[in-house]
PDB file of N, CA and C in Angstrom:
ATOM      1  N   MET A   1       5.522  20.291   6.569  1.00  0.00           N
ATOM      2  CA  MET A   1       6.341  19.627   7.553  1.00  0.00           C
ATOM      3  C   MET A   1       7.255  18.582   6.895  1.00  0.00           C
ATOM      4  N   TYR A   2       6.684  17.749   6.006  1.00  0.00           N
ATOM      5  CA  TYR A   2       7.468  16.701   5.358  1.00  0.00           C
ATOM      6  C   TYR A   2       7.890  17.073   3.940  1.00  0.00           C
ATOM      7  N   GLY A   3       7.410  18.185   3.420  1.00  0.00           N
ATOM      8  CA  GLY A   3       7.763  18.599   2.075  1.00  0.00           C
ATOM      9  C   GLY A   3       7.064  17.798   0.991  1.00  0.00           C
ATOM     10  N   PHE A   4       5.988  17.114   1.350  1.00  0.00           N
ATOM     11  CA  PHE A   4       5.234  16.314   0.377  1.00  0.00           C
ATOM     12  C   PHE A   4       4.007  17.102  -0.053  1.00  0.00           C
ATOM     13  N   PRO A   5       3.918  17.436  -1.348  1.00  0.00           N
ATOM     14  CA  PRO A   5       2.820  18.291  -1.803  1.00  0.00           C
ATOM     15  C   PRO A   5       1.476  17.582  -1.895  1.00  0.00           C
ATOM     16  N   GLY A   6       1.453  16.280  -1.778  1.00  0.00           N
ATOM     17  CA  GLY A   6       0.194  15.536  -1.876  1.00  0.00           C
ATOM     18  C   GLY A   6       0.045  14.882  -3.233  1.00  0.00           C
ATOM     19  N   LEU A   7      -1.056  14.200  -3.408  1.00  0.00           N
ATOM     20  CA  LEU A   7      -1.322  13.484  -4.651  1.00  0.00           C
ATOM     21  C   LEU A   7      -2.232  14.297  -5.550  1.00  0.00           C
ATOM     22  N   ASN A   8      -2.138  14.020  -6.833  1.00  0.00           N
ATOM     23  CA  ASN A   8      -2.993  14.654  -7.830  1.00  0.00           C
ATOM     24  C   ASN A   8      -3.911  13.603  -8.425  1.00  0.00           C
ATOM     25  N   PRO A   9      -5.037  14.016  -9.001  1.00  0.00           N
ATOM     26  CA  PRO A   9      -5.922  13.044  -9.642  1.00  0.00           C
ATOM     27  C   PRO A   9      -5.145  12.181 -10.638  1.00  0.00           C
ATOM     28  N   GLY A  10      -5.359  10.876 -10.555  1.00  0.00           N
ATOM     29  CA  GLY A  10      -4.669   9.945 -11.438  1.00  0.00           C
ATOM     30  C   GLY A  10      -3.395   9.365 -10.862  1.00  0.00           C
ATOM     31  N   ASP A  11      -2.864   9.954  -9.773  1.00  0.00           N
ATOM     32  CA  ASP A  11      -1.671   9.417  -9.131  1.00  0.00           C
ATOM     33  C   ASP A  11      -2.001   8.084  -8.466  1.00  0.00           C
ATOM     34  N   ARG A  12      -1.008   7.229  -8.406  1.00  0.00           N
ATOM     35  CA  ARG A  12      -1.157   5.965  -7.682  1.00  0.00           C
ATOM     36  C   ARG A  12      -0.240   5.997  -6.480  1.00  0.00           C
ATOM     37  N   TRP A  13      -0.663   5.306  -5.445  1.00  0.00           N
ATOM     38  CA  TRP A  13       0.100   5.285  -4.216  1.00  0.00           C
ATOM     39  C   TRP A  13       0.165   3.850  -3.732  1.00  0.00           C
ATOM     40  N   CYS A  14       1.331   3.374  -3.404  1.00  0.00           N
ATOM     41  CA  CYS A  14       1.504   2.011  -2.919  1.00  0.00           C
ATOM     42  C   CYS A  14       1.245   1.977  -1.412  1.00  0.00           C
ATOM     43  N   VAL A  15       0.401   1.059  -0.997  1.00  0.00           N
ATOM     44  CA  VAL A  15       0.068   0.897   0.420  1.00  0.00           C
ATOM     45  C   VAL A  15       0.377  -0.548   0.798  1.00  0.00           C
ATOM     46  N   THR A  16       0.979  -0.761   1.961  1.00  0.00           N
ATOM     47  CA  THR A  16       1.244  -2.137   2.379  1.00  0.00           C
ATOM     48  C   THR A  16      -0.071  -2.856   2.620  1.00  0.00           C
ATOM     49  N   ALA A  17      -0.056  -4.161   2.431  1.00  0.00           N
ATOM     50  CA  ALA A  17      -1.271  -4.956   2.606  1.00  0.00           C
ATOM     51  C   ALA A  17      -1.809  -4.828   4.028  1.00  0.00           C
ATOM     52  N   ARG A  18      -0.935  -4.842   5.003  1.00  0.00           N
ATOM     53  CA  ARG A  18      -1.391  -4.742   6.401  1.00  0.00           C
ATOM     54  C   ARG A  18      -2.065  -3.391   6.675  1.00  0.00           C
ATOM     55  N   ASN A  19      -1.467  -2.314   6.173  1.00  0.00           N
ATOM     56  CA  ASN A  19      -2.074  -0.995   6.374  1.00  0.00           C
ATOM     57  C   ASN A  19      -3.385  -0.868   5.615  1.00  0.00           C
ATOM     58  N   TRP A  20      -3.446  -1.433   4.399  1.00  0.00           N
ATOM     59  CA  TRP A  20      -4.687  -1.380   3.631  1.00  0.00           C
ATOM     60  C   TRP A  20      -5.780  -2.148   4.366  1.00  0.00           C
ATOM     61  N   LEU A  21      -5.446  -3.323   4.903  1.00  0.00           N
ATOM     62  CA  LEU A  21      -6.432  -4.126   5.630  1.00  0.00           C
ATOM     63  C   LEU A  21      -6.935  -3.375   6.860  1.00  0.00           C
ATOM     64  N   GLN A  22      -6.041  -2.708   7.576  1.00  0.00           N
ATOM     65  CA  GLN A  22      -6.473  -1.923   8.737  1.00  0.00           C
ATOM     66  C   GLN A  22      -7.406  -0.802   8.302  1.00  0.00           C
ATOM     67  N   ALA A  23      -7.084  -0.136   7.207  1.00  0.00           N
ATOM     68  CA  ALA A  23      -7.954   0.921   6.686  1.00  0.00           C
ATOM     69  C   ALA A  23      -9.312   0.344   6.286  1.00  0.00           C
ATOM     70  N   HIS A  24      -9.313  -0.841   5.696  1.00  0.00           N
ATOM     71  CA  HIS A  24     -10.574  -1.507   5.331  1.00  0.00           C
ATOM     72  C   HIS A  24     -11.407  -1.760   6.582  1.00  0.00           C
ATOM     73  N   ARG A  25     -10.780  -2.268   7.619  1.00  0.00           N
ATOM     74  CA  ARG A  25     -11.485  -2.526   8.891  1.00  0.00           C
ATOM     75  C   ARG A  25     -12.031  -1.237   9.485  1.00  0.00           C
ATOM     76  N   ASP A  26     -11.316  -0.133   9.263  1.00  0.00           N
ATOM     77  CA  ASP A  26     -11.746   1.174   9.775  1.00  0.00           C
ATOM     78  C   ASP A  26     -12.741   1.866   8.852  1.00  0.00           C
ATOM     79  N   GLY A  27     -13.034   1.233   7.702  1.00  0.00           N
ATOM     80  CA  GLY A  27     -14.007   1.795   6.767  1.00  0.00           C
ATOM     81  C   GLY A  27     -13.473   2.887   5.865  1.00  0.00           C
ATOM     82  N   VAL A  28     -12.152   2.967   5.716  1.00  0.00           N
ATOM     83  CA  VAL A  28     -11.559   4.030   4.894  1.00  0.00           C
ATOM     84  C   VAL A  28     -10.524   3.486   3.900  1.00  0.00           C
ATOM     85  N   ALA A  29     -10.757   2.292   3.385  1.00  0.00           N
ATOM     86  CA  ALA A  29      -9.798   1.678   2.464  1.00  0.00           C
ATOM     87  C   ALA A  29      -9.702   2.451   1.159  1.00  0.00           C
ATOM     88  N   ALA A  30      -8.501   2.527   0.641  1.00  0.00           N
ATOM     89  CA  ALA A  30      -8.260   3.177  -0.649  1.00  0.00           C
ATOM     90  C   ALA A  30      -8.751   2.273  -1.777  1.00  0.00           C
ATOM     91  N   PRO A  31      -9.094   2.866  -2.920  1.00  0.00           N
ATOM     92  CA  PRO A  31      -9.441   2.047  -4.083  1.00  0.00           C
ATOM     93  C   PRO A  31      -8.252   1.168  -4.481  1.00  0.00           C
ATOM     94  N   VAL A  32      -8.561   0.025  -5.093  1.00  0.00           N
ATOM     95  CA  VAL A  32      -7.538  -0.947  -5.466  1.00  0.00           C
ATOM     96  C   VAL A  32      -7.550  -1.172  -6.975  1.00  0.00           C
ATOM     97  N   VAL A  33      -6.383  -1.056  -7.591  1.00  0.00           N
ATOM     98  CA  VAL A  33      -6.221  -1.422  -8.998  1.00  0.00           C
ATOM     99  C   VAL A  33      -5.740  -2.872  -8.990  1.00  0.00           C
ATOM    100  N   LEU A  34      -6.660  -3.800  -9.208  1.00  0.00           N
ATOM    101  CA  LEU A  34      -6.317  -5.216  -9.097  1.00  0.00           C
ATOM    102  C   LEU A  34      -5.191  -5.621 -10.039  1.00  0.00           C
ATOM    103  N   ALA A  35      -5.165  -5.064 -11.235  1.00  0.00           N
ATOM    104  CA  ALA A  35      -4.126  -5.411 -12.208  1.00  0.00           C
ATOM    105  C   ALA A  35      -2.736  -4.999 -11.732  1.00  0.00           C
ATOM    106  N   ALA A  36      -2.659  -4.071 -10.780  1.00  0.00           N
ATOM    107  CA  ALA A  36      -1.375  -3.597 -10.267  1.00  0.00           C
ATOM    108  C   ALA A  36      -1.076  -4.152  -8.875  1.00  0.00           C
ATOM    109  N   THR A  37      -1.879  -5.122  -8.438  1.00  0.00           N
ATOM    110  CA  THR A  37      -1.746  -5.672  -7.093  1.00  0.00           C
ATOM    111  C   THR A  37      -1.077  -7.038  -7.154  1.00  0.00           C
ATOM    112  N   ASN A  38      -0.028  -7.216  -6.351  1.00  0.00           N
ATOM    113  CA  ASN A  38       0.698  -8.477  -6.334  1.00  0.00           C
ATOM    114  C   ASN A  38      -0.153  -9.575  -5.708  1.00  0.00           C
ATOM    115  N   GLU A  39      -0.088 -10.755  -6.279  1.00  0.00           N
ATOM    116  CA  GLU A  39      -0.866 -11.901  -5.803  1.00  0.00           C
ATOM    117  C   GLU A  39      -0.559 -12.247  -4.342  1.00  0.00           C
ATOM    118  N   LYS A  40       0.640 -11.920  -3.878  1.00  0.00           N
ATOM    119  CA  LYS A  40       1.029 -12.241  -2.499  1.00  0.00           C
ATOM    120  C   LYS A  40       0.164 -11.525  -1.465  1.00  0.00           C
ATOM    121  N   VAL A  41      -0.499 -10.452  -1.868  1.00  0.00           N
ATOM    122  CA  VAL A  41      -1.367  -9.731  -0.936  1.00  0.00           C
ATOM    123  C   VAL A  41      -2.487 -10.637  -0.425  1.00  0.00           C
ATOM    124  N   LEU A  42      -2.825 -11.667  -1.195  1.00  0.00           N
ATOM    125  CA  LEU A  42      -3.911 -12.568  -0.806  1.00  0.00           C
ATOM    126  C   LEU A  42      -3.578 -13.386   0.435  1.00  0.00           C
ATOM    127  N   SER A  43      -2.316 -13.417   0.834  1.00  0.00           N
ATOM    128  CA  SER A  43      -1.955 -14.095   2.081  1.00  0.00           C
ATOM    129  C   SER A  43      -2.331 -13.247   3.293  1.00  0.00           C
ATOM    130  N   ILE A  44      -2.692 -11.979   3.051  1.00  0.00           N
ATOM    131  CA  ILE A  44      -3.046 -11.059   4.137  1.00  0.00           C
ATOM    132  C   ILE A  44      -4.472 -10.542   3.998  1.00  0.00           C
ATOM    133  N   VAL A  45      -4.873 -10.239   2.766  1.00  0.00           N
ATOM    134  CA  VAL A  45      -6.177  -9.610   2.509  1.00  0.00           C
ATOM    135  C   VAL A  45      -7.052 -10.558   1.700  1.00  0.00           C
ATOM    136  N   ASP A  46      -8.284 -10.727   2.130  1.00  0.00           N
ATOM    137  CA  ASP A  46      -9.232 -11.573   1.412  1.00  0.00           C
ATOM    138  C   ASP A  46      -9.580 -10.946   0.063  1.00  0.00           C
ATOM    139  N   LEU A  47      -9.629 -11.769  -0.968  1.00  0.00           N
ATOM    140  CA  LEU A  47      -9.924 -11.284  -2.315  1.00  0.00           C
ATOM    141  C   LEU A  47     -11.257 -10.543  -2.375  1.00  0.00           C
ATOM    142  N   SER A  48     -12.226 -10.976  -1.599  1.00  0.00           N
ATOM    143  CA  SER A  48     -13.533 -10.300  -1.620  1.00  0.00           C
ATOM    144  C   SER A  48     -13.418  -8.850  -1.156  1.00  0.00           C
ATOM    145  N   PHE A  49     -12.529  -8.575  -0.192  1.00  0.00           N
ATOM    146  CA  PHE A  49     -12.324  -7.195   0.268  1.00  0.00           C
ATOM    147  C   PHE A  49     -11.716  -6.352  -0.849  1.00  0.00           C
ATOM    148  N   LEU A  50     -10.748  -6.932  -1.560  1.00  0.00           N
ATOM    149  CA  LEU A  50     -10.114  -6.206  -2.662  1.00  0.00           C
ATOM    150  C   LEU A  50     -11.127  -5.913  -3.761  1.00  0.00           C
ATOM    151  N   LYS A  51     -11.950  -6.903  -4.083  1.00  0.00           N
ATOM    152  CA  LYS A  51     -12.951  -6.717  -5.137  1.00  0.00           C
ATOM    153  C   LYS A  51     -13.970  -5.643  -4.762  1.00  0.00           C
ATOM    154  N   GLU A  52     -14.314  -5.547  -3.474  1.00  0.00           N
ATOM    155  CA  GLU A  52     -15.252  -4.509  -3.012  1.00  0.00           C
ATOM    156  C   GLU A  52     -14.716  -3.109  -3.301  1.00  0.00           C
ATOM    157  N   ASN A  53     -13.398  -2.978  -3.332  1.00  0.00           N
ATOM    158  CA  ASN A  53     -12.753  -1.671  -3.496  1.00  0.00           C
ATOM    159  C   ASN A  53     -12.041  -1.527  -4.831  1.00  0.00           C
ATOM    160  N   ALA A  54     -12.291  -2.465  -5.745  1.00  0.00           N
ATOM    161  CA  ALA A  54     -11.599  -2.465  -7.034  1.00  0.00           C
ATOM    162  C   ALA A  54     -12.076  -1.325  -7.926  1.00  0.00           C
ATOM    163  N   VAL A  55     -11.135  -0.752  -8.645  1.00  0.00           N
ATOM    164  CA  VAL A  55     -11.436   0.289  -9.631  1.00  0.00           C
ATOM    165  C   VAL A  55     -10.690  -0.032 -10.914  1.00  0.00           C
ATOM    166  N   ASP A  56     -11.264   0.376 -12.014  1.00  0.00           N
ATOM    167  CA  ASP A  56     -10.582   0.278 -13.302  1.00  0.00           C
ATOM    168  C   ASP A  56      -9.880   1.601 -13.546  1.00  0.00           C
ATOM    169  N   VAL A  57      -8.714   1.539 -14.117  1.00  0.00           N
ATOM    170  CA  VAL A  57      -7.968   2.750 -14.433  1.00  0.00           C
ATOM    171  C   VAL A  57      -7.887   2.855 -15.951  1.00  0.00           C
ATOM    172  N   PRO A  58      -8.403   3.948 -16.510  1.00  0.00           N
ATOM    173  CA  PRO A  58      -8.337   4.093 -17.967  1.00  0.00           C
ATOM    174  C   PRO A  58      -6.894   4.263 -18.435  1.00  0.00           C
ATOM    175  N   SER A  59      -6.622   3.831 -19.655  1.00  0.00           N
ATOM    176  CA  SER A  59      -5.262   3.977 -20.180  1.00  0.00           C
ATOM    177  C   SER A  59      -4.893   5.445 -20.381  1.00  0.00           C
ATOM    178  N   ASP A  60      -5.891   6.295 -20.633  1.00  0.00           N
ATOM    179  CA  ASP A  60      -5.662   7.738 -20.770  1.00  0.00           C
ATOM    180  C   ASP A  60      -6.097   8.413 -19.471  1.00  0.00           C
ATOM    181  N   LEU A  61      -5.139   8.846 -18.667  1.00  0.00           N
ATOM    182  CA  LEU A  61      -5.430   9.426 -17.352  1.00  0.00           C
ATOM    183  C   LEU A  61      -5.765  10.906 -17.402  1.00  0.00           C
ATOM    184  N   SER A  62      -5.728  11.519 -18.570  1.00  0.00           N
ATOM    185  CA  SER A  62      -5.936  12.968 -18.661  1.00  0.00           C
ATOM    186  C   SER A  62      -7.338  13.383 -18.223  1.00  0.00           C
ATOM    187  N   GLY A  63      -8.290  12.492 -18.264  1.00  0.00           N
ATOM    188  CA  GLY A  63      -9.653  12.842 -17.870  1.00  0.00           C
ATOM    189  C   GLY A  63      -9.919  12.743 -16.382  1.00  0.00           C
ATOM    190  N   LEU A  64      -8.916  12.425 -15.580  1.00  0.00           N
ATOM    191  CA  LEU A  64      -9.116  12.246 -14.148  1.00  0.00           C
ATOM    192  C   LEU A  64      -8.927  13.518 -13.335  1.00  0.00           C
ATOM    193  N   GLU A  65      -8.737  14.636 -13.970  1.00  0.00           N
ATOM    194  CA  GLU A  65      -8.477  15.870 -13.218  1.00  0.00           C
ATOM    195  C   GLU A  65      -9.707  16.469 -12.635  1.00  0.00           C
TER     196      GLU A  65
END
């Protein structure tokens, strides 16, 4: 319908802080790469919520398939 093939393992997707917070409240929050997250998100999302969903991303993404 939209011509979007979807994401592949290792892909990153930007989500707005408000949408991420709603997903967190609904119990379906996406993993968070803290190193790639702007500090301004803390005005909307509590740091403890982000840490609960934090993931490390290896520098070599080839093993994520």
